[in-house]
Amino acid sequence: MRRIYVDVHANQQEEERRRHAAQEAAQQIHIIKKNERSNNRPEGRYTEDSEGNKECSVCLDPPKKPHALQCGHVFCKECIASCLNGKSKCPYCNQNIPKILYEI
């Protein structure tokens, strides 16, 4: 019984660490809101599942709070923030990009 509790507790701690890392990463990324003007705003390019539903390339669910990178690929805000933690490449096309997210 004790081992099950320890495993659950360890999983909860790991989930909390991931959530905290995503929040820190999001603070280091500049976000351009929908209503802000930007000359470089990309047209959002979604990936789609086999039925044509829009999805995030990281979690494969419909994007929650969708944001686009300079290359145009769209991800959930939390997913892309955790992927960009210390990196400057799109996780989908591997293109070098600035740490700027465009709210879709």
C-alpha atoms as a PDB file:
ATOM      1  CA  MET A   1       0.000   0.000   0.000  1.00  0.00           C
ATOM      2  CA  ARG A   2       2.845   2.386   0.830  1.00  0.00           C
ATOM      3  CA  ARG A   3       4.479   1.860  -2.590  1.00  0.00           C
ATOM      4  CA  ILE A   4       1.292   2.923  -4.408  1.00  0.00           C
ATOM      5  CA  TYR A   5       1.132   6.110  -2.335  1.00  0.00           C
ATOM      6  CA  VAL A   6       4.806   6.896  -3.076  1.00  0.00           C
ATOM      7  CA  ASP A   7       4.289   6.342  -6.836  1.00  0.00           C
ATOM      8  CA  VAL A   8       1.202   8.591  -6.903  1.00  0.00           C
ATOM      9  CA  HIS A   9       3.002  11.243  -4.874  1.00  0.00           C
ATOM     10  CA  ALA A  10       6.031  11.120  -7.206  1.00  0.00           C
ATOM     11  CA  ASN A  11       3.739  11.502 -10.237  1.00  0.00           C
ATOM     12  CA  GLN A  12       2.044  14.503  -8.639  1.00  0.00           C
ATOM     13  CA  GLN A  13       5.413  16.111  -7.914  1.00  0.00           C
ATOM     14  CA  GLU A  14       6.583  15.536 -11.509  1.00  0.00           C
ATOM     15  CA  GLU A  15       3.355  17.032 -12.882  1.00  0.00           C
ATOM     16  CA  GLU A  16       3.809  20.071 -10.628  1.00  0.00           C
ATOM     17  CA  ARG A  17       7.425  20.492 -11.847  1.00  0.00           C
ATOM     18  CA  ARG A  18       6.258  20.389 -15.490  1.00  0.00           C
ATOM     19  CA  ARG A  19       3.493  22.911 -14.825  1.00  0.00           C
ATOM     20  CA  HIS A  20       5.948  25.233 -13.074  1.00  0.00           C
ATOM     21  CA  ALA A  21       8.488  24.927 -15.935  1.00  0.00           C
ATOM     22  CA  ALA A  22       5.779  25.771 -18.487  1.00  0.00           C
ATOM     23  CA  GLN A  23       4.762  28.846 -16.475  1.00  0.00           C
ATOM     24  CA  GLU A  24       8.378  30.045 -16.258  1.00  0.00           C
ATOM     25  CA  ALA A  25       8.889  29.472 -19.980  1.00  0.00           C
ATOM     26  CA  ALA A  26       5.718  31.411 -20.775  1.00  0.00           C
ATOM     27  CA  GLN A  27       7.067  34.407 -18.848  1.00  0.00           C
ATOM     28  CA  GLN A  28      10.148  34.509 -21.115  1.00  0.00           C
ATOM     29  CA  ILE A  29       8.073  34.564 -24.320  1.00  0.00           C
ATOM     30  CA  HIS A  30       6.594  37.726 -25.798  1.00  0.00           C
ATOM     31  CA  ILE A  31       2.920  37.307 -26.668  1.00  0.00           C
ATOM     32  CA  ILE A  32       1.212  39.503 -29.246  1.00  0.00           C
ATOM     33  CA  LYS A  33      -2.537  39.686 -28.551  1.00  0.00           C
ATOM     34  CA  LYS A  34      -5.223  39.358 -31.240  1.00  0.00           C
ATOM     35  CA  ASN A  35      -6.034  43.062 -31.158  1.00  0.00           C
ATOM     36  CA  GLU A  36      -2.390  44.243 -31.313  1.00  0.00           C
ATOM     37  CA  ARG A  37      -1.072  45.333 -34.683  1.00  0.00           C
ATOM     38  CA  SER A  38       1.912  43.473 -36.046  1.00  0.00           C
ATOM     39  CA  ASN A  39       3.525  43.581 -39.477  1.00  0.00           C
ATOM     40  CA  ASN A  40       4.808  40.031 -39.073  1.00  0.00           C
ATOM     41  CA  ARG A  41       1.625  38.312 -37.873  1.00  0.00           C
ATOM     42  CA  PRO A  42       1.609  34.850 -39.478  1.00  0.00           C
ATOM     43  CA  GLU A  43      -1.442  33.191 -40.917  1.00  0.00           C
ATOM     44  CA  GLY A  44      -2.210  30.339 -38.508  1.00  0.00           C
ATOM     45  CA  ARG A  45      -1.460  26.923 -40.017  1.00  0.00           C
ATOM     46  CA  TYR A  46      -3.098  24.158 -38.037  1.00  0.00           C
ATOM     47  CA  THR A  47      -2.240  20.488 -38.242  1.00  0.00           C
ATOM     48  CA  GLU A  48      -5.274  18.282 -38.697  1.00  0.00           C
ATOM     49  CA  ASP A  49      -6.223  14.775 -37.695  1.00  0.00           C
ATOM     50  CA  SER A  50      -7.503  12.197 -40.199  1.00  0.00           C
ATOM     51  CA  GLU A  51     -11.033  13.630 -39.923  1.00  0.00           C
ATOM     52  CA  GLY A  52      -9.927  17.202 -40.645  1.00  0.00           C
ATOM     53  CA  ASN A  53     -10.201  18.471 -37.054  1.00  0.00           C
ATOM     54  CA  LYS A  54      -7.639  21.099 -36.014  1.00  0.00           C
ATOM     55  CA  GLU A  55      -5.113  19.833 -33.486  1.00  0.00           C
ATOM     56  CA  CYS A  56      -2.031  20.892 -31.550  1.00  0.00           C
ATOM     57  CA  SER A  57       1.070  19.106 -32.886  1.00  0.00           C
ATOM     58  CA  VAL A  58       2.353  18.560 -29.353  1.00  0.00           C
ATOM     59  CA  CYS A  59      -0.625  17.129 -27.421  1.00  0.00           C
ATOM     60  CA  LEU A  60      -2.722  16.115 -30.482  1.00  0.00           C
ATOM     61  CA  ASP A  61      -5.864  17.649 -28.920  1.00  0.00           C
ATOM     62  CA  PRO A  62      -7.813  20.646 -30.235  1.00  0.00           C
ATOM     63  CA  PRO A  63      -5.656  23.707 -29.360  1.00  0.00           C
ATOM     64  CA  LYS A  64      -6.507  25.299 -26.021  1.00  0.00           C
ATOM     65  CA  LYS A  65      -5.757  29.034 -26.146  1.00  0.00           C
ATOM     66  CA  PRO A  66      -4.241  28.684 -29.659  1.00  0.00           C
ATOM     67  CA  HIS A  67      -1.050  30.621 -30.385  1.00  0.00           C
ATOM     68  CA  ALA A  68       1.061  30.679 -33.545  1.00  0.00           C
ATOM     69  CA  LEU A  69       4.808  30.921 -33.985  1.00  0.00           C
ATOM     70  CA  GLN A  70       6.493  33.115 -36.612  1.00  0.00           C
ATOM     71  CA  CYS A  71       6.505  30.118 -38.980  1.00  0.00           C
ATOM     72  CA  GLY A  72       2.706  29.958 -38.675  1.00  0.00           C
ATOM     73  CA  HIS A  73       2.284  26.649 -36.848  1.00  0.00           C
ATOM     74  CA  VAL A  74      -0.410  26.735 -34.163  1.00  0.00           C
ATOM     75  CA  PHE A  75      -0.157  25.086 -30.738  1.00  0.00           C
ATOM     76  CA  CYS A  76      -1.822  25.233 -27.331  1.00  0.00           C
ATOM     77  CA  LYS A  77      -0.295  28.076 -25.345  1.00  0.00           C
ATOM     78  CA  GLU A  78       0.942  25.749 -22.578  1.00  0.00           C
ATOM     79  CA  CYS A  79       2.318  23.156 -25.022  1.00  0.00           C
ATOM     80  CA  ILE A  80       4.370  25.637 -27.027  1.00  0.00           C
ATOM     81  CA  ALA A  81       5.597  27.454 -23.913  1.00  0.00           C
ATOM     82  CA  SER A  82       6.978  24.192 -22.515  1.00  0.00           C
ATOM     83  CA  CYS A  83       8.529  23.261 -25.896  1.00  0.00           C
ATOM     84  CA  LEU A  84      10.280  26.631 -26.248  1.00  0.00           C
ATOM     85  CA  ASN A  85      11.817  26.402 -22.771  1.00  0.00           C
ATOM     86  CA  GLY A  86      15.416  27.327 -23.617  1.00  0.00           C
ATOM     87  CA  LYS A  87      14.950  26.658 -27.344  1.00  0.00           C
ATOM     88  CA  SER A  88      14.251  28.789 -30.415  1.00  0.00           C
ATOM     89  CA  LYS A  89      12.937  26.221 -32.892  1.00  0.00           C
ATOM     90  CA  CYS A  90       9.437  25.255 -33.927  1.00  0.00           C
ATOM     91  CA  PRO A  91       8.747  21.720 -32.632  1.00  0.00           C
ATOM     92  CA  TYR A  92       6.867  20.931 -35.864  1.00  0.00           C
ATOM     93  CA  CYS A  93       9.107  22.228 -38.680  1.00  0.00           C
ATOM     94  CA  ASN A  94      12.347  22.796 -36.718  1.00  0.00           C
ATOM     95  CA  GLN A  95      12.662  26.333 -38.140  1.00  0.00           C
ATOM     96  CA  ASN A  96      14.574  28.885 -36.046  1.00  0.00           C
ATOM     97  CA  ILE A  97      12.084  31.390 -34.677  1.00  0.00           C
ATOM     98  CA  PRO A  98      12.076  34.315 -32.227  1.00  0.00           C
ATOM     99  CA  LYS A  99      10.375  33.683 -28.901  1.00  0.00           C
ATOM    100  CA  ILE A 100       7.205  35.478 -29.942  1.00  0.00           C
ATOM    101  CA  LEU A 101       3.733  33.945 -29.849  1.00  0.00           C
ATOM    102  CA  TYR A 102       0.810  35.348 -31.790  1.00  0.00           C
ATOM    103  CA  GLU A 103      -2.589  34.873 -30.170  1.00  0.00           C
ATOM    104  CA  ILE A 104      -5.016  33.342 -32.680  1.00  0.00           C
END
